[in-house]
Amino acid sequence: MSVSVSVTLHNGDIIGYSNLKWSDPSMGVLSGQFTPISNYESIAYVFQFFAENPYSLLEKNDLRDVYNKMRDEMGLQLFDHKGDRITDAQQSTLMITLVS
């Protein structure tokens, strides 16, 4: 099974697409390659910040709260091909990792 999704910011701007497949069905985990579009450039700095400061460095340099705030302010959401928001069983936003 695979699910085609759009990755969207809290304001409705689509920043990219992915085709998610089950990577760990027992844990309910889907994963997929992220394909960015031009809107992605407006938030690319958040992911660049994380790439340059993995969690171990974020903790060491007291930057975890800075990164979490930047990440959370984006309000990333997933929508399926029908435009329905994808959520987990508890109806909260999914936490996903998309590989670019």
Foldseek 3Di string as FASTA:
>chain_A
DWFKKFKAFPVGDTFWIWIWDDPDVVVPAIETATDGDPVVVVLVVLVVVCVVQPPVNCVVVVNPVVSVVSVVNRRIWIATPVRHTDDDPVRDGDDYDHHD
